[in-house]
Amino acid sequence: MCIFCKIVDGEIPSNKILESEEFLCFHDVNPRAPIHLLIIPKAHVEKFQDASSELMANITPFIQEVASKMGLNLSGYRLILNNGEDGGQEVPHLHFHLLGGTKLSWPHFSPKETHKSL
């Protein structure tokens, strides 16, 4: 069972922000911004490629509600989804990072990464 499934099941504690029947939002334990939240489906879906259109349609208003609850709907925020190993996905459970609370910079690549020409 993955770490996010254990959080959903209550085996691992989390600092919850919002919960619905289908989704859960909680604080990231390694924040990269003043507000850094993770938004996950409660059902295990490994990555974006495995997500149904119905799940994506249902998670959208949940994410919007989280942004409003955190007061980010007016000031702005960044929503990130990493997909697969090359995309930087570290936990094999679909999750969105919602970052805000400050003006965010955009570091495209880490120094170890290089731009590959097409």
C-alpha atoms as a PDB file:
ATOM      1  CA  MET A   1       0.000   0.000   0.000  1.00  0.00           C
ATOM      2  CA  CYS A   2       1.413   3.420  -0.949  1.00  0.00           C
ATOM      3  CA  ILE A   3       2.002   6.215   1.567  1.00  0.00           C
ATOM      4  CA  PHE A   4      -0.960   8.265   0.293  1.00  0.00           C
ATOM      5  CA  CYS A   5      -3.313   5.278   0.618  1.00  0.00           C
ATOM      6  CA  LYS A   6      -2.087   4.906   4.223  1.00  0.00           C
ATOM      7  CA  ILE A   7      -2.894   8.587   4.809  1.00  0.00           C
ATOM      8  CA  VAL A   8      -6.393   8.074   3.350  1.00  0.00           C
ATOM      9  CA  ASP A   9      -6.896   5.029   5.604  1.00  0.00           C
ATOM     10  CA  GLY A  10      -5.736   6.967   8.672  1.00  0.00           C
ATOM     11  CA  GLU A  11      -2.659   4.778   9.239  1.00  0.00           C
ATOM     12  CA  ILE A  12      -0.407   7.819   8.802  1.00  0.00           C
ATOM     13  CA  PRO A  13      -1.486  11.181  10.229  1.00  0.00           C
ATOM     14  CA  SER A  14      -1.720  14.256   8.032  1.00  0.00           C
ATOM     15  CA  ASN A  15      -2.561  17.914   8.485  1.00  0.00           C
ATOM     16  CA  LYS A  16      -5.852  17.872   6.561  1.00  0.00           C
ATOM     17  CA  ILE A  17      -7.251  20.978   4.932  1.00  0.00           C
ATOM     18  CA  LEU A  18     -10.323  19.589   3.171  1.00  0.00           C
ATOM     19  CA  GLU A  19     -11.878  16.191   2.647  1.00  0.00           C
ATOM     20  CA  SER A  20     -14.747  14.905   0.554  1.00  0.00           C
ATOM     21  CA  GLU A  21     -16.044  11.453  -0.241  1.00  0.00           C
ATOM     22  CA  GLU A  22     -13.647  11.200  -3.211  1.00  0.00           C
ATOM     23  CA  PHE A  23     -10.700  13.500  -2.425  1.00  0.00           C
ATOM     24  CA  LEU A  24      -8.335  14.608   0.303  1.00  0.00           C
ATOM     25  CA  CYS A  25      -6.181  17.715   0.682  1.00  0.00           C
ATOM     26  CA  PHE A  26      -3.388  18.003   3.236  1.00  0.00           C
ATOM     27  CA  HIS A  27      -0.163  19.935   3.861  1.00  0.00           C
ATOM     28  CA  ASP A  28       3.003  18.682   2.170  1.00  0.00           C
ATOM     29  CA  VAL A  29       5.580  17.620   4.786  1.00  0.00           C
ATOM     30  CA  ASN A  30       8.371  19.159   2.673  1.00  0.00           C
ATOM     31  CA  PRO A  31       6.890  22.544   1.664  1.00  0.00           C
ATOM     32  CA  ARG A  32       8.376  24.556  -1.220  1.00  0.00           C
ATOM     33  CA  ALA A  33       6.205  27.640  -0.611  1.00  0.00           C
ATOM     34  CA  PRO A  34       4.420  29.258   2.360  1.00  0.00           C
ATOM     35  CA  ILE A  35       1.362  27.238   1.319  1.00  0.00           C
ATOM     36  CA  HIS A  36       2.133  23.834  -0.181  1.00  0.00           C
ATOM     37  CA  LEU A  37      -0.732  21.362  -0.261  1.00  0.00           C
ATOM     38  CA  LEU A  38      -1.241  17.944  -1.790  1.00  0.00           C
ATOM     39  CA  ILE A  39      -4.571  17.019  -3.341  1.00  0.00           C
ATOM     40  CA  ILE A  40      -5.248  13.355  -3.995  1.00  0.00           C
ATOM     41  CA  PRO A  41      -8.074  11.054  -4.979  1.00  0.00           C
ATOM     42  CA  LYS A  42      -8.899   8.667  -2.149  1.00  0.00           C
ATOM     43  CA  ALA A  43      -9.029   5.771  -4.596  1.00  0.00           C
ATOM     44  CA  HIS A  44      -5.570   4.648  -5.683  1.00  0.00           C
ATOM     45  CA  VAL A  45      -4.750   5.921  -9.159  1.00  0.00           C
ATOM     46  CA  GLU A  46      -1.048   5.620  -9.908  1.00  0.00           C
ATOM     47  CA  LYS A  47      -0.569   8.465 -12.374  1.00  0.00           C
ATOM     48  CA  PHE A  48      -2.302  10.961 -14.631  1.00  0.00           C
ATOM     49  CA  GLN A  49      -2.243   8.535 -17.560  1.00  0.00           C
ATOM     50  CA  ASP A  50      -4.452   6.200 -15.506  1.00  0.00           C
ATOM     51  CA  ALA A  51      -6.985   8.872 -14.463  1.00  0.00           C
ATOM     52  CA  SER A  52     -10.464   8.766 -15.919  1.00  0.00           C
ATOM     53  CA  SER A  53     -12.067  11.833 -17.401  1.00  0.00           C
ATOM     54  CA  GLU A  54     -14.747  11.533 -14.706  1.00  0.00           C
ATOM     55  CA  LEU A  55     -12.138  11.688 -11.920  1.00  0.00           C
ATOM     56  CA  MET A  56     -10.520  14.752 -13.487  1.00  0.00           C
ATOM     57  CA  ALA A  57     -13.892  16.459 -13.894  1.00  0.00           C
ATOM     58  CA  ASN A  58     -14.718  15.778 -10.242  1.00  0.00           C
ATOM     59  CA  ILE A  59     -11.353  16.857  -8.809  1.00  0.00           C
ATOM     60  CA  THR A  60     -11.471  20.269 -10.512  1.00  0.00           C
ATOM     61  CA  PRO A  61     -14.148  21.824  -8.269  1.00  0.00           C
ATOM     62  CA  PHE A  62     -12.473  20.253  -5.224  1.00  0.00           C
ATOM     63  CA  ILE A  63      -9.173  21.962  -6.105  1.00  0.00           C
ATOM     64  CA  GLN A  64     -11.005  25.241  -6.683  1.00  0.00           C
ATOM     65  CA  GLU A  65     -12.662  24.917  -3.265  1.00  0.00           C
ATOM     66  CA  VAL A  66      -9.275  24.297  -1.625  1.00  0.00           C
ATOM     67  CA  ALA A  67      -7.805  27.392  -3.330  1.00  0.00           C
ATOM     68  CA  SER A  68     -10.743  29.501  -2.121  1.00  0.00           C
ATOM     69  CA  LYS A  69     -10.570  28.096   1.408  1.00  0.00           C
ATOM     70  CA  MET A  70      -6.860  28.984   1.578  1.00  0.00           C
ATOM     71  CA  GLY A  71      -7.505  32.493   0.190  1.00  0.00           C
ATOM     72  CA  LEU A  72      -5.493  31.823  -2.970  1.00  0.00           C
ATOM     73  CA  ASN A  73      -8.304  32.191  -5.486  1.00  0.00           C
ATOM     74  CA  LEU A  74      -7.715  35.950  -5.796  1.00  0.00           C
ATOM     75  CA  SER A  75      -3.936  36.252  -5.337  1.00  0.00           C
ATOM     76  CA  GLY A  76      -3.069  33.234  -7.471  1.00  0.00           C
ATOM     77  CA  TYR A  77      -1.366  29.904  -7.045  1.00  0.00           C
ATOM     78  CA  ARG A  78       0.525  27.221  -8.931  1.00  0.00           C
ATOM     79  CA  LEU A  79      -0.968  23.799  -9.560  1.00  0.00           C
ATOM     80  CA  ILE A  80       1.565  21.093 -10.426  1.00  0.00           C
ATOM     81  CA  LEU A  81       1.068  17.495 -11.470  1.00  0.00           C
ATOM     82  CA  ASN A  82       4.178  15.369 -11.963  1.00  0.00           C
ATOM     83  CA  ASN A  83       3.582  12.279 -14.093  1.00  0.00           C
ATOM     84  CA  GLY A  84       5.945   9.313 -14.087  1.00  0.00           C
ATOM     85  CA  GLU A  85       9.628   9.062 -13.238  1.00  0.00           C
ATOM     86  CA  ASP A  86      10.905  11.526 -15.858  1.00  0.00           C
ATOM     87  CA  GLY A  87       8.157  13.954 -14.853  1.00  0.00           C
ATOM     88  CA  GLY A  88       9.393  13.982 -11.259  1.00  0.00           C
ATOM     89  CA  GLN A  89       6.601  11.923  -9.686  1.00  0.00           C
ATOM     90  CA  GLU A  90       7.993  10.596  -6.396  1.00  0.00           C
ATOM     91  CA  VAL A  91       4.889   8.902  -4.962  1.00  0.00           C
ATOM     92  CA  PRO A  92       3.053   6.482  -7.270  1.00  0.00           C
ATOM     93  CA  HIS A  93      -0.376   7.898  -6.450  1.00  0.00           C
ATOM     94  CA  LEU A  94      -1.934  10.675  -8.516  1.00  0.00           C
ATOM     95  CA  HIS A  95      -1.493  13.976  -6.692  1.00  0.00           C
ATOM     96  CA  PHE A  96      -1.548  17.681  -7.373  1.00  0.00           C
ATOM     97  CA  HIS A  97       0.721  20.152  -5.614  1.00  0.00           C
ATOM     98  CA  LEU A  98      -0.995  23.466  -4.885  1.00  0.00           C
ATOM     99  CA  LEU A  99       1.540  26.173  -4.013  1.00  0.00           C
ATOM    100  CA  GLY A 100       0.929  29.769  -3.057  1.00  0.00           C
ATOM    101  CA  GLY A 101       1.153  32.399  -0.397  1.00  0.00           C
ATOM    102  CA  THR A 102       3.938  34.316  -2.163  1.00  0.00           C
ATOM    103  CA  LYS A 103       5.018  35.391  -5.643  1.00  0.00           C
ATOM    104  CA  LEU A 104       6.416  32.163  -7.057  1.00  0.00           C
ATOM    105  CA  SER A 105       9.520  31.999  -9.232  1.00  0.00           C
ATOM    106  CA  TRP A 106       9.793  29.609 -12.162  1.00  0.00           C
ATOM    107  CA  PRO A 107      13.021  27.599 -12.107  1.00  0.00           C
ATOM    108  CA  HIS A 108      12.503  25.542 -15.242  1.00  0.00           C
ATOM    109  CA  PHE A 109      15.182  22.936 -14.670  1.00  0.00           C
ATOM    110  CA  SER A 110      17.569  22.001 -11.911  1.00  0.00           C
ATOM    111  CA  PRO A 111      21.304  22.423 -12.670  1.00  0.00           C
ATOM    112  CA  LYS A 112      21.573  18.653 -13.263  1.00  0.00           C
ATOM    113  CA  GLU A 113      18.968  18.721 -15.998  1.00  0.00           C
ATOM    114  CA  THR A 114      19.680  19.661 -19.572  1.00  0.00           C
ATOM    115  CA  HIS A 115      17.444  20.792 -22.370  1.00  0.00           C
ATOM    116  CA  LYS A 116      17.024  18.013 -24.930  1.00  0.00           C
ATOM    117  CA  SER A 117      16.424  19.216 -28.458  1.00  0.00           C
ATOM    118  CA  LEU A 118      13.489  17.699 -30.267  1.00  0.00           C
END
